[in-house]
C-alpha atoms as a PDB file:
ATOM      1  CA  MET A   1      -4.055  29.678   8.439  1.00  0.00           C
ATOM      2  CA  LEU A   2      -7.456  30.021   6.540  1.00  0.00           C
ATOM      3  CA  GLU A   3     -10.344  32.254   7.551  1.00  0.00           C
ATOM      4  CA  ARG A   4     -13.706  32.373   6.469  1.00  0.00           C
ATOM      5  CA  ASN A   5     -14.996  34.740   3.580  1.00  0.00           C
ATOM      6  CA  PRO A   6     -18.358  35.699   4.699  1.00  0.00           C
ATOM      7  CA  ASP A   7     -19.161  36.797   1.182  1.00  0.00           C
ATOM      8  CA  TYR A   8     -18.340  33.511  -0.384  1.00  0.00           C
ATOM      9  CA  ALA A   9     -21.673  31.772  -1.963  1.00  0.00           C
ATOM     10  CA  TRP A  10     -20.476  29.929  -4.792  1.00  0.00           C
ATOM     11  CA  ALA A  11     -19.568  26.478  -3.902  1.00  0.00           C
ATOM     12  CA  PRO A  12     -19.595  24.001  -6.435  1.00  0.00           C
ATOM     13  CA  SER A  13     -21.920  20.812  -6.481  1.00  0.00           C
ATOM     14  CA  ILE A  14     -19.619  18.441  -4.880  1.00  0.00           C
ATOM     15  CA  TYR A  15     -19.823  20.341  -1.910  1.00  0.00           C
ATOM     16  CA  GLN A  16     -22.335  19.815   0.842  1.00  0.00           C
ATOM     17  CA  ASN A  17     -22.163  23.460   1.993  1.00  0.00           C
ATOM     18  CA  GLN A  18     -23.564  25.254  -0.256  1.00  0.00           C
ATOM     19  CA  GLY A  19     -23.526  28.535   1.502  1.00  0.00           C
ATOM     20  CA  VAL A  20     -21.184  30.436   3.658  1.00  0.00           C
ATOM     21  CA  PRO A  21     -18.588  28.077   5.780  1.00  0.00           C
ATOM     22  CA  ARG A  22     -19.708  27.430   9.419  1.00  0.00           C
ATOM     23  CA  VAL A  23     -16.152  27.308  10.535  1.00  0.00           C
ATOM     24  CA  GLU A  24     -14.308  30.790  11.122  1.00  0.00           C
ATOM     25  CA  ARG A  25     -10.870  29.985  10.878  1.00  0.00           C
ATOM     26  CA  ILE A  26      -8.603  26.628  10.353  1.00  0.00           C
ATOM     27  CA  GLU A  27      -5.084  26.964  11.320  1.00  0.00           C
ATOM     28  CA  PHE A  28      -2.893  24.217   9.869  1.00  0.00           C
ATOM     29  CA  ARG A  29      -0.026  21.999  12.332  1.00  0.00           C
ATOM     30  CA  PHE A  30       2.347  19.667  11.308  1.00  0.00           C
ATOM     31  CA  PHE A  31       3.571  16.444  13.322  1.00  0.00           C
ATOM     32  CA  THR A  32       6.561  15.142  11.984  1.00  0.00           C
ATOM     33  CA  ASP A  33       6.516  12.451  14.998  1.00  0.00           C
ATOM     34  CA  PRO A  34       3.668   9.998  14.581  1.00  0.00           C
ATOM     35  CA  PRO A  35       2.891   9.099  18.176  1.00  0.00           C
ATOM     36  CA  THR A  36       2.421  12.732  18.906  1.00  0.00           C
ATOM     37  CA  ARG A  37      -0.710  13.208  16.174  1.00  0.00           C
ATOM     38  CA  ALA A  38      -3.030  11.210  18.914  1.00  0.00           C
ATOM     39  CA  LEU A  39      -1.891  13.382  21.906  1.00  0.00           C
ATOM     40  CA  ALA A  40      -2.314  16.305  20.242  1.00  0.00           C
ATOM     41  CA  LEU A  41      -6.264  15.321  19.438  1.00  0.00           C
ATOM     42  CA  GLU A  42      -7.096  13.854  22.805  1.00  0.00           C
ATOM     43  CA  SER A  43      -5.386  17.018  24.541  1.00  0.00           C
ATOM     44  CA  GLY A  44      -7.663  19.422  22.446  1.00  0.00           C
ATOM     45  CA  ASP A  45      -5.134  20.937  20.563  1.00  0.00           C
ATOM     46  CA  VAL A  46      -5.982  20.200  17.360  1.00  0.00           C
ATOM     47  CA  GLN A  47      -9.411  19.237  16.387  1.00  0.00           C
ATOM     48  CA  ILE A  48      -8.423  16.898  13.054  1.00  0.00           C
ATOM     49  CA  VAL A  49      -5.319  14.703  12.718  1.00  0.00           C
ATOM     50  CA  GLY A  50      -4.531  12.432   9.690  1.00  0.00           C
ATOM     51  CA  GLU A  51      -2.082   9.665   9.130  1.00  0.00           C
ATOM     52  CA  LEU A  52      -2.621   8.071  13.212  1.00  0.00           C
ATOM     53  CA  LEU A  53      -0.700   5.237  13.829  1.00  0.00           C
ATOM     54  CA  PRO A  54      -3.397   2.211  13.650  1.00  0.00           C
ATOM     55  CA  THR A  55      -2.257   1.144  17.598  1.00  0.00           C
ATOM     56  CA  ASP A  56      -3.635   5.020  18.188  1.00  0.00           C
ATOM     57  CA  ALA A  57      -6.331   4.480  16.427  1.00  0.00           C
ATOM     58  CA  GLU A  58      -7.250   0.922  18.085  1.00  0.00           C
ATOM     59  CA  LEU A  59      -6.990   2.745  21.561  1.00  0.00           C
ATOM     60  CA  MET A  60      -9.071   5.552  20.718  1.00  0.00           C
ATOM     61  CA  ALA A  61     -12.050   3.395  19.796  1.00  0.00           C
ATOM     62  CA  GLY A  62     -12.988   3.469  23.450  1.00  0.00           C
ATOM     63  CA  ASN A  63     -12.989   7.502  24.167  1.00  0.00           C
ATOM     64  CA  THR A  64     -15.891   9.047  23.428  1.00  0.00           C
ATOM     65  CA  ARG A  65     -14.626  12.316  23.181  1.00  0.00           C
ATOM     66  CA  VAL A  66     -13.279  11.363  19.248  1.00  0.00           C
ATOM     67  CA  GLN A  67     -13.976  10.018  16.268  1.00  0.00           C
ATOM     68  CA  VAL A  68     -11.647   7.816  13.736  1.00  0.00           C
ATOM     69  CA  TYR A  69     -12.433   7.989  10.372  1.00  0.00           C
ATOM     70  CA  PRO A  70     -10.738   5.306   8.048  1.00  0.00           C
ATOM     71  CA  VAL A  71     -10.455   6.458   4.508  1.00  0.00           C
ATOM     72  CA  PRO A  72      -9.193   4.057   2.305  1.00  0.00           C
ATOM     73  CA  ILE A  73      -6.758   5.825  -0.759  1.00  0.00           C
ATOM     74  CA  PRO A  74      -7.160   5.183  -4.118  1.00  0.00           C
ATOM     75  CA  GLY A  75      -3.678   3.308  -5.923  1.00  0.00           C
ATOM     76  CA  GLN A  76      -1.134   0.679  -5.414  1.00  0.00           C
ATOM     77  CA  PRO A  77      -1.287  -0.938  -2.241  1.00  0.00           C
ATOM     78  CA  LEU A  78       1.500  -1.850   0.072  1.00  0.00           C
ATOM     79  CA  GLN A  79       3.491  -3.718  -1.959  1.00  0.00           C
ATOM     80  CA  PHE A  80       7.174  -5.384  -2.285  1.00  0.00           C
ATOM     81  CA  HIS A  81       8.133  -5.871  -5.898  1.00  0.00           C
ATOM     82  CA  LEU A  82      10.333  -8.476  -7.158  1.00  0.00           C
ATOM     83  CA  ASN A  83      13.230  -8.295  -8.970  1.00  0.00           C
ATOM     84  CA  THR A  84      12.860 -10.847 -11.809  1.00  0.00           C
ATOM     85  CA  GLN A  85      16.067  -9.752 -13.346  1.00  0.00           C
ATOM     86  CA  ARG A  86      18.147 -11.462  -9.974  1.00  0.00           C
ATOM     87  CA  TRP A  87      18.744 -14.955  -8.643  1.00  0.00           C
ATOM     88  CA  PRO A  88      16.487 -16.500  -7.402  1.00  0.00           C
ATOM     89  CA  THR A  89      13.438 -14.241  -7.519  1.00  0.00           C
ATOM     90  CA  ASN A  90      14.480 -14.633 -11.559  1.00  0.00           C
ATOM     91  CA  ASP A  91      12.970 -17.990 -11.299  1.00  0.00           C
ATOM     92  CA  LEU A  92       8.355 -17.315 -11.176  1.00  0.00           C
ATOM     93  CA  THR A  93       8.176 -20.712  -9.316  1.00  0.00           C
ATOM     94  CA  VAL A  94      10.372 -18.812  -6.804  1.00  0.00           C
ATOM     95  CA  ARG A  95       8.266 -15.872  -6.988  1.00  0.00           C
ATOM     96  CA  ARG A  96       4.736 -17.774  -6.479  1.00  0.00           C
ATOM     97  CA  ALA A  97       6.128 -19.882  -3.926  1.00  0.00           C
ATOM     98  CA  LEU A  98       6.601 -16.234  -1.919  1.00  0.00           C
ATOM     99  CA  LEU A  99       3.631 -15.110  -2.663  1.00  0.00           C
ATOM    100  CA  LEU A 100       2.162 -18.310  -1.306  1.00  0.00           C
ATOM    101  CA  GLY A 101       4.332 -18.022   1.593  1.00  0.00           C
ATOM    102  CA  THR A 102       3.540 -14.921   2.723  1.00  0.00           C
ATOM    103  CA  ASN A 103       0.848 -14.861   5.434  1.00  0.00           C
ATOM    104  CA  ARG A 104      -0.763 -11.086   4.799  1.00  0.00           C
ATOM    105  CA  ALA A 105      -3.349 -11.411   7.171  1.00  0.00           C
ATOM    106  CA  GLU A 106      -1.338 -11.880   9.846  1.00  0.00           C
ATOM    107  CA  ILE A 107       1.051  -8.926   9.003  1.00  0.00           C
ATOM    108  CA  VAL A 108      -2.490  -6.807   8.503  1.00  0.00           C
ATOM    109  CA  ASP A 109      -3.587  -7.680  11.753  1.00  0.00           C
ATOM    110  CA  SER A 110       0.026  -7.644  14.020  1.00  0.00           C
ATOM    111  CA  VAL A 111       0.885  -3.709  12.563  1.00  0.00           C
ATOM    112  CA  PHE A 112      -2.147  -2.428  11.133  1.00  0.00           C
ATOM    113  CA  GLN A 113      -4.621  -3.638  13.691  1.00  0.00           C
ATOM    114  CA  GLY A 114      -7.193  -4.857  11.250  1.00  0.00           C
ATOM    115  CA  PHE A 115      -8.061  -1.555   9.811  1.00  0.00           C
ATOM    116  CA  SER A 116      -6.236  -1.996   6.431  1.00  0.00           C
ATOM    117  CA  GLN A 117      -7.746  -5.026   4.493  1.00  0.00           C
ATOM    118  CA  VAL A 118      -5.505  -7.603   2.524  1.00  0.00           C
ATOM    119  CA  ALA A 119      -4.098  -6.651  -1.248  1.00  0.00           C
ATOM    120  CA  HIS A 120      -4.562  -9.114  -3.467  1.00  0.00           C
ATOM    121  CA  GLY A 121      -3.322  -7.477  -6.804  1.00  0.00           C
ATOM    122  CA  PRO A 122      -1.005  -3.854  -8.047  1.00  0.00           C
ATOM    123  CA  LEU A 123      -4.534  -1.780  -7.167  1.00  0.00           C
ATOM    124  CA  SER A 124      -6.347  -0.847  -4.140  1.00  0.00           C
ATOM    125  CA  ALA A 125      -9.364  -2.078  -4.140  1.00  0.00           C
ATOM    126  CA  VAL A 126     -10.842   1.801  -3.989  1.00  0.00           C
ATOM    127  CA  THR A 127      -9.230   2.238  -7.488  1.00  0.00           C
ATOM    128  CA  ALA A 128     -10.817   2.385 -10.515  1.00  0.00           C
ATOM    129  CA  TYR A 129     -10.867  -1.076 -12.543  1.00  0.00           C
ATOM    130  CA  TYR A 130      -9.616  -2.931  -9.560  1.00  0.00           C
ATOM    131  CA  GLU A 131     -10.305  -6.234 -10.163  1.00  0.00           C
ATOM    132  CA  PRO A 132     -12.065  -8.354  -7.301  1.00  0.00           C
ATOM    133  CA  ALA A 133     -10.990 -12.357  -8.316  1.00  0.00           C
ATOM    134  CA  LEU A 134      -7.869 -11.307  -7.504  1.00  0.00           C
ATOM    135  CA  ALA A 135      -8.389 -12.272  -4.199  1.00  0.00           C
ATOM    136  CA  ASP A 136      -8.991 -16.104  -4.811  1.00  0.00           C
ATOM    137  CA  GLY A 137      -5.521 -16.406  -6.393  1.00  0.00           C
ATOM    138  CA  TYR A 138      -2.081 -16.819  -4.016  1.00  0.00           C
ATOM    139  CA  ARG A 139      -3.823 -17.825  -0.806  1.00  0.00           C
ATOM    140  CA  PHE A 140      -1.453 -18.553   2.103  1.00  0.00           C
ATOM    141  CA  ASP A 141      -0.524 -22.076   2.217  1.00  0.00           C
ATOM    142  CA  PHE A 142       2.963 -22.604   2.950  1.00  0.00           C
ATOM    143  CA  ALA A 143       3.256 -26.429   2.582  1.00  0.00           C
ATOM    144  CA  GLN A 144       2.141 -25.874  -0.721  1.00  0.00           C
ATOM    145  CA  ALA A 145       4.789 -22.541  -1.126  1.00  0.00           C
ATOM    146  CA  ARG A 146       7.782 -25.151   0.349  1.00  0.00           C
ATOM    147  CA  ALA A 147       6.663 -28.074  -1.966  1.00  0.00           C
ATOM    148  CA  MET A 148       7.473 -25.868  -4.856  1.00  0.00           C
ATOM    149  CA  LEU A 149      10.628 -24.390  -4.042  1.00  0.00           C
ATOM    150  CA  GLU A 150      11.339 -28.894  -3.542  1.00  0.00           C
ATOM    151  CA  GLY A 151       9.859 -28.889  -6.315  1.00  0.00           C
ATOM    152  CA  ILE A 152      12.444 -27.214  -8.697  1.00  0.00           C
ATOM    153  CA  GLY A 153      15.281 -28.625  -6.744  1.00  0.00           C
ATOM    154  CA  PHE A 154      15.764 -26.620  -3.344  1.00  0.00           C
ATOM    155  CA  VAL A 155      16.856 -28.832  -0.579  1.00  0.00           C
ATOM    156  CA  ASP A 156      18.345 -27.921   2.968  1.00  0.00           C
ATOM    157  CA  THR A 157      21.579 -30.352   2.297  1.00  0.00           C
ATOM    158  CA  ASP A 158      23.376 -28.782   5.601  1.00  0.00           C
ATOM    159  CA  GLY A 159      20.674 -29.260   8.049  1.00  0.00           C
ATOM    160  CA  ASP A 160      20.680 -24.952   8.332  1.00  0.00           C
ATOM    161  CA  ARG A 161      16.905 -24.783   7.950  1.00  0.00           C
ATOM    162  CA  VAL A 162      18.294 -22.951   4.572  1.00  0.00           C
ATOM    163  CA  LEU A 163      17.142 -24.485   1.496  1.00  0.00           C
ATOM    164  CA  ASP A 164      19.625 -24.436  -1.344  1.00  0.00           C
ATOM    165  CA  PHE A 165      20.085 -25.056  -4.812  1.00  0.00           C
ATOM    166  CA  GLU A 166      23.169 -27.062  -6.284  1.00  0.00           C
ATOM    167  CA  GLY A 167      25.430 -24.876  -3.283  1.00  0.00           C
ATOM    168  CA  ARG A 168      23.292 -21.929  -3.636  1.00  0.00           C
ATOM    169  CA  PRO A 169      21.421 -20.711  -0.548  1.00  0.00           C
ATOM    170  CA  LEU A 170      18.096 -19.307  -1.339  1.00  0.00           C
ATOM    171  CA  LYS A 171      19.255 -15.697   0.283  1.00  0.00           C
ATOM    172  CA  LEU A 172      16.487 -13.323  -0.501  1.00  0.00           C
ATOM    173  CA  ASP A 173      17.824  -8.987  -0.079  1.00  0.00           C
ATOM    174  CA  VAL A 174      14.868  -6.820   0.686  1.00  0.00           C
ATOM    175  CA  VAL A 175      15.179  -3.116   0.314  1.00  0.00           C
ATOM    176  CA  ILE A 176      12.328  -1.030   2.642  1.00  0.00           C
ATOM    177  CA  PRO A 177      11.872   2.820   3.204  1.00  0.00           C
ATOM    178  CA  SER A 178      11.892   4.276   6.873  1.00  0.00           C
ATOM    179  CA  TRP A 179       7.956   5.338   6.521  1.00  0.00           C
ATOM    180  CA  GLY A 180       4.954   3.540   6.127  1.00  0.00           C
ATOM    181  CA  LEU A 181       5.241   1.063   9.118  1.00  0.00           C
ATOM    182  CA  LEU A 182       7.631  -0.910   6.516  1.00  0.00           C
ATOM    183  CA  SER A 183       9.999  -1.938   9.596  1.00  0.00           C
ATOM    184  CA  GLN A 184       7.324  -3.936  11.082  1.00  0.00           C
ATOM    185  CA  VAL A 185       5.972  -5.206   8.170  1.00  0.00           C
ATOM    186  CA  ALA A 186       9.574  -6.703   7.217  1.00  0.00           C
ATOM    187  CA  GLN A 187      10.299  -8.099  10.712  1.00  0.00           C
ATOM    188  CA  LEU A 188       7.380 -10.345   9.965  1.00  0.00           C
ATOM    189  CA  LEU A 189       7.722 -10.918   6.456  1.00  0.00           C
ATOM    190  CA  GLU A 190      11.759 -12.119   7.212  1.00  0.00           C
ATOM    191  CA  ALA A 191      10.185 -14.339  10.033  1.00  0.00           C
ATOM    192  CA  GLN A 192       7.600 -15.810   7.308  1.00  0.00           C
ATOM    193  CA  TRP A 193      10.155 -16.147   4.430  1.00  0.00           C
ATOM    194  CA  GLU A 194      12.941 -17.968   6.949  1.00  0.00           C
ATOM    195  CA  ALA A 195      10.183 -20.321   8.332  1.00  0.00           C
ATOM    196  CA  LEU A 196       9.801 -21.022   4.214  1.00  0.00           C
ATOM    197  CA  GLY A 197      13.911 -21.614   4.050  1.00  0.00           C
ATOM    198  CA  ALA A 198      15.373 -18.062   3.218  1.00  0.00           C
ATOM    199  CA  ASP A 199      18.192 -16.431   4.384  1.00  0.00           C
ATOM    200  CA  VAL A 200      16.777 -13.042   4.647  1.00  0.00           C
ATOM    201  CA  HIS A 201      18.396  -9.602   4.811  1.00  0.00           C
ATOM    202  CA  VAL A 202      16.312  -6.626   5.096  1.00  0.00           C
ATOM    203  CA  VAL A 203      17.952  -2.787   4.373  1.00  0.00           C
ATOM    204  CA  GLN A 204      16.343  -0.019   5.339  1.00  0.00           C
ATOM    205  CA  VAL A 205      17.281   2.812   3.716  1.00  0.00           C
ATOM    206  CA  PRO A 206      16.133   6.936   4.793  1.00  0.00           C
ATOM    207  CA  SER A 207      14.835   8.874   1.643  1.00  0.00           C
ATOM    208  CA  PHE A 208      12.828   8.014  -1.381  1.00  0.00           C
ATOM    209  CA  THR A 209      16.229   9.356  -3.128  1.00  0.00           C
ATOM    210  CA  ALA A 210      18.029   6.148  -1.221  1.00  0.00           C
ATOM    211  CA  LEU A 211      15.787   3.457  -2.445  1.00  0.00           C
ATOM    212  CA  GLN A 212      15.935   4.956  -5.930  1.00  0.00           C
ATOM    213  CA  ALA A 213      19.583   4.324  -5.569  1.00  0.00           C
ATOM    214  CA  ALA A 214      19.415   0.940  -3.966  1.00  0.00           C
ATOM    215  CA  ALA A 215      17.031   0.059  -7.037  1.00  0.00           C
ATOM    216  CA  ASP A 216      19.500   1.446  -9.513  1.00  0.00           C
ATOM    217  CA  THR A 217      22.161  -1.267  -8.019  1.00  0.00           C
ATOM    218  CA  ASN A 218      19.652  -4.509  -9.236  1.00  0.00           C
ATOM    219  CA  GLU A 219      21.339  -5.885  -5.617  1.00  0.00           C
ATOM    220  CA  TYR A 220      18.081  -6.425  -4.496  1.00  0.00           C
ATOM    221  CA  ASN A 221      15.341  -9.423  -4.737  1.00  0.00           C
ATOM    222  CA  ALA A 222      12.456  -7.366  -2.985  1.00  0.00           C
ATOM    223  CA  ILE A 223      11.973  -3.839  -2.731  1.00  0.00           C
ATOM    224  CA  ALA A 224       8.566  -2.246  -1.534  1.00  0.00           C
ATOM    225  CA  LEU A 225       7.303   0.656  -2.855  1.00  0.00           C
ATOM    226  CA  ASN A 226       3.337   2.244  -3.893  1.00  0.00           C
ATOM    227  CA  PHE A 227       2.050   5.428  -5.194  1.00  0.00           C
ATOM    228  CA  PHE A 228      -1.203   6.729  -4.939  1.00  0.00           C
ATOM    229  CA  GLY A 229      -3.693   8.053  -7.309  1.00  0.00           C
ATOM    230  CA  VAL A 230      -7.341   7.803  -9.034  1.00  0.00           C
ATOM    231  CA  ASP A 231      -6.169   6.075 -12.160  1.00  0.00           C
ATOM    232  CA  PRO A 232      -4.809   2.782 -12.559  1.00  0.00           C
ATOM    233  CA  SER A 233      -2.514   3.820 -15.495  1.00  0.00           C
ATOM    234  CA  LEU A 234      -0.533   4.763 -12.824  1.00  0.00           C
ATOM    235  CA  LEU A 235       0.707   1.139 -13.491  1.00  0.00           C
ATOM    236  CA  ASP A 236       2.851   2.385 -16.611  1.00  0.00           C
ATOM    237  CA  GLN A 237       5.431   3.821 -14.369  1.00  0.00           C
ATOM    238  CA  PHE A 238       5.829   0.356 -12.298  1.00  0.00           C
ATOM    239  CA  PHE A 239       5.432  -2.299 -15.071  1.00  0.00           C
ATOM    240  CA  LEU A 240       5.872  -1.026 -18.842  1.00  0.00           C
ATOM    241  CA  SER A 241       9.267  -2.432 -19.779  1.00  0.00           C
ATOM    242  CA  ASN A 242      11.151   1.064 -20.393  1.00  0.00           C
ATOM    243  CA  ALA A 243       9.426   2.381 -16.780  1.00  0.00           C
ATOM    244  CA  PRO A 244      11.382   4.479 -14.897  1.00  0.00           C
ATOM    245  CA  LEU A 245      10.197   2.910 -11.658  1.00  0.00           C
ATOM    246  CA  ASN A 246      10.197  -0.162 -13.258  1.00  0.00           C
ATOM    247  CA  TRP A 247      11.254  -1.539 -10.158  1.00  0.00           C
ATOM    248  CA  SER A 248      10.545  -5.791 -11.062  1.00  0.00           C
ATOM    249  CA  ARG A 249      12.933  -5.305 -14.194  1.00  0.00           C
ATOM    250  CA  VAL A 250      10.396  -7.164 -15.987  1.00  0.00           C
ATOM    251  CA  ALA A 251      10.163  -7.040 -20.001  1.00  0.00           C
ATOM    252  CA  ASP A 252       6.818  -8.494 -20.944  1.00  0.00           C
ATOM    253  CA  LEU A 253       5.359  -7.418 -24.230  1.00  0.00           C
ATOM    254  CA  ASP A 254       1.424  -8.803 -23.269  1.00  0.00           C
ATOM    255  CA  LEU A 255       2.049  -6.101 -20.475  1.00  0.00           C
ATOM    256  CA  ASP A 256       3.327  -3.725 -22.442  1.00  0.00           C
ATOM    257  CA  LEU A 257       0.560  -3.735 -24.654  1.00  0.00           C
ATOM    258  CA  LEU A 258      -2.141  -4.265 -22.339  1.00  0.00           C
ATOM    259  CA  LEU A 259      -0.924  -1.058 -20.364  1.00  0.00           C
ATOM    260  CA  ALA A 260      -0.731   1.000 -23.454  1.00  0.00           C
ATOM    261  CA  GLU A 261      -4.380  -0.062 -24.756  1.00  0.00           C
ATOM    262  CA  GLY A 262      -5.747   0.967 -21.188  1.00  0.00           C
ATOM    263  CA  THR A 263      -4.095   4.154 -21.392  1.00  0.00           C
ATOM    264  CA  HIS A 264      -5.275   5.473 -24.671  1.00  0.00           C
ATOM    265  CA  ALA A 265      -8.958   3.544 -24.854  1.00  0.00           C
ATOM    266  CA  SER A 266     -11.867   5.905 -24.053  1.00  0.00           C
ATOM    267  CA  ASP A 267     -14.839   3.443 -23.726  1.00  0.00           C
ATOM    268  CA  PRO A 268     -14.960   2.465 -19.552  1.00  0.00           C
ATOM    269  CA  GLU A 269     -16.116  -0.921 -20.338  1.00  0.00           C
ATOM    270  CA  ARG A 270     -12.812  -1.367 -22.634  1.00  0.00           C
ATOM    271  CA  ARG A 271     -10.768  -0.157 -20.086  1.00  0.00           C
ATOM    272  CA  ARG A 272     -12.225  -2.260 -17.870  1.00  0.00           C
ATOM    273  CA  SER A 273     -11.460  -5.314 -19.837  1.00  0.00           C
ATOM    274  CA  VAL A 274      -7.850  -4.272 -20.243  1.00  0.00           C
ATOM    275  CA  TYR A 275      -7.099  -3.115 -16.769  1.00  0.00           C
ATOM    276  CA  SER A 276      -8.572  -6.604 -15.662  1.00  0.00           C
ATOM    277  CA  GLU A 277      -6.077  -8.691 -18.096  1.00  0.00           C
ATOM    278  CA  THR A 278      -3.612  -6.117 -16.834  1.00  0.00           C
ATOM    279  CA  GLN A 279      -3.801  -7.053 -13.368  1.00  0.00           C
ATOM    280  CA  ARG A 280      -4.428 -10.519 -13.569  1.00  0.00           C
ATOM    281  CA  ARG A 281      -0.922 -10.936 -15.887  1.00  0.00           C
ATOM    282  CA  ILE A 282       1.205  -8.798 -13.189  1.00  0.00           C
ATOM    283  CA  MET A 283      -0.099 -11.238 -10.407  1.00  0.00           C
ATOM    284  CA  ASP A 284       0.680 -14.261 -12.827  1.00  0.00           C
ATOM    285  CA  LEU A 285       4.190 -12.884 -13.694  1.00  0.00           C
ATOM    286  CA  ALA A 286       4.448 -12.684  -9.522  1.00  0.00           C
ATOM    287  CA  LEU A 287       5.925  -9.466 -10.280  1.00  0.00           C
ATOM    288  CA  ILE A 288       4.958  -7.942  -6.960  1.00  0.00           C
ATOM    289  CA  ILE A 289       4.058  -9.117  -3.134  1.00  0.00           C
ATOM    290  CA  PRO A 290       0.830  -6.946  -2.404  1.00  0.00           C
ATOM    291  CA  ILE A 291       0.551  -6.740   1.468  1.00  0.00           C
ATOM    292  CA  ARG A 292      -2.370  -4.366   2.414  1.00  0.00           C
ATOM    293  CA  ASP A 293      -4.553  -1.949   1.074  1.00  0.00           C
ATOM    294  CA  TYR A 294      -3.597   1.757   2.142  1.00  0.00           C
ATOM    295  CA  VAL A 295      -5.783   3.335   4.614  1.00  0.00           C
ATOM    296  CA  ASN A 296      -5.266   6.697   5.885  1.00  0.00           C
ATOM    297  CA  LEU A 297      -6.554   6.745   9.842  1.00  0.00           C
ATOM    298  CA  ASN A 298      -7.779  10.215  10.511  1.00  0.00           C
ATOM    299  CA  GLY A 299      -9.163  11.305  13.800  1.00  0.00           C
ATOM    300  CA  ALA A 300     -11.879  14.027  15.051  1.00  0.00           C
ATOM    301  CA  THR A 301     -12.981  15.892  18.065  1.00  0.00           C
ATOM    302  CA  ALA A 302     -16.827  14.115  18.533  1.00  0.00           C
ATOM    303  CA  ASP A 303     -18.568  17.622  18.143  1.00  0.00           C
ATOM    304  CA  LEU A 304     -17.050  18.157  14.520  1.00  0.00           C
ATOM    305  CA  GLN A 305     -18.918  16.896  11.761  1.00  0.00           C
ATOM    306  CA  GLY A 306     -19.293  17.113   7.955  1.00  0.00           C
ATOM    307  CA  LEU A 307     -15.955  15.561   8.156  1.00  0.00           C
ATOM    308  CA  HIS A 308     -15.435  13.957   4.422  1.00  0.00           C
ATOM    309  CA  PHE A 309     -12.479  13.994   2.184  1.00  0.00           C
ATOM    310  CA  ASP A 310     -11.419  14.402  -1.730  1.00  0.00           C
ATOM    311  CA  ALA A 311     -11.083  11.483  -4.486  1.00  0.00           C
ATOM    312  CA  TYR A 312      -7.863  10.889  -3.040  1.00  0.00           C
ATOM    313  CA  GLY A 313      -8.408  10.461   0.513  1.00  0.00           C
ATOM    314  CA  PHE A 314      -6.271  12.728   1.942  1.00  0.00           C
ATOM    315  CA  TYR A 315      -7.646  15.916   2.131  1.00  0.00           C
ATOM    316  CA  PRO A 316     -10.765  16.994   4.093  1.00  0.00           C
ATOM    317  CA  ILE A 317     -13.378  19.062   2.343  1.00  0.00           C
ATOM    318  CA  LEU A 318     -13.001  22.308   4.980  1.00  0.00           C
ATOM    319  CA  THR A 319     -16.040  23.943   3.338  1.00  0.00           C
ATOM    320  CA  ASP A 320     -18.381  21.287   4.689  1.00  0.00           C
ATOM    321  CA  LEU A 321     -16.816  21.126   8.531  1.00  0.00           C
ATOM    322  CA  ARG A 322     -19.218  22.530  10.961  1.00  0.00           C
ATOM    323  CA  ARG A 323     -19.498  22.272  14.866  1.00  0.00           C
ATOM    324  CA  ALA A 324     -22.690  20.009  16.535  1.00  0.00           C
ATOM    325  CA  GLU A 325     -24.048  22.923  17.728  1.00  0.00           C
ATOM    326  CA  ALA A 326     -24.146  24.720  14.887  1.00  0.00           C
ATOM    327  CA  GLN A 327     -26.729  22.764  13.231  1.00  0.00           C
END
């Protein structure tokens, strides 16, 4: 719990309120079960709640007693890293076909109720040096995706609706964690890839430790993971050849050089150019399937004003909070 300091009057310039905070006391509560967050807000037990379920945020749209604050989060989108060292995703054409055969708009609309935007690369759109031109690549095209697979020799030889290559079925093992509505995402992804001609097996693990253990086995074709951050240098952890979280198992000298230059360059325009090329390289290699830019869905009672968030998008600037009658 935090209580107001009546002598506080030295707020930094990033705060709107330069004087004494208008809220006397702030109490923090933790709701580990996502559906209970909306109930707590609507009942008046809390005045601010974060990480609402998209379905709950959608239902709140008609409730005049509460407001919904969608806050885009910088860093990486929700994405699946494709294993470049395991058959069949070791083939670039297969990876590109999976990208083209993934209807990301359907996933965003169905699972996230349209609160998020479709992701197009390894950085979310609100991250520094995001490359907007990536939106023109890998637009959903089922027919082209299927043609690409057939073009490299995948055919359904036995009528089971699963493509195979020289007797080997197009089998994809997918690993997901238990958070971020990934079970719903994976369900749709599984249906889309099976329609494309793949035999898809999804395994859900309960923790990051278990996710890391699954990655260490190399027995996956796609694995879901994303981190948040305000600087694109976070890509180093995932796409450098020796990166600790290089779960796409890429080893590309051009990409290594780009990432090294981006991290060490000081000129903003040079960094912009380098990270633009970096993002294009990652997508040219089809190392990931980006799904949606992460959005933190917050709710607040209608009488609460001045709610805004820090650069990471998760933490409210408490000093600026006020109730409507305090204006």
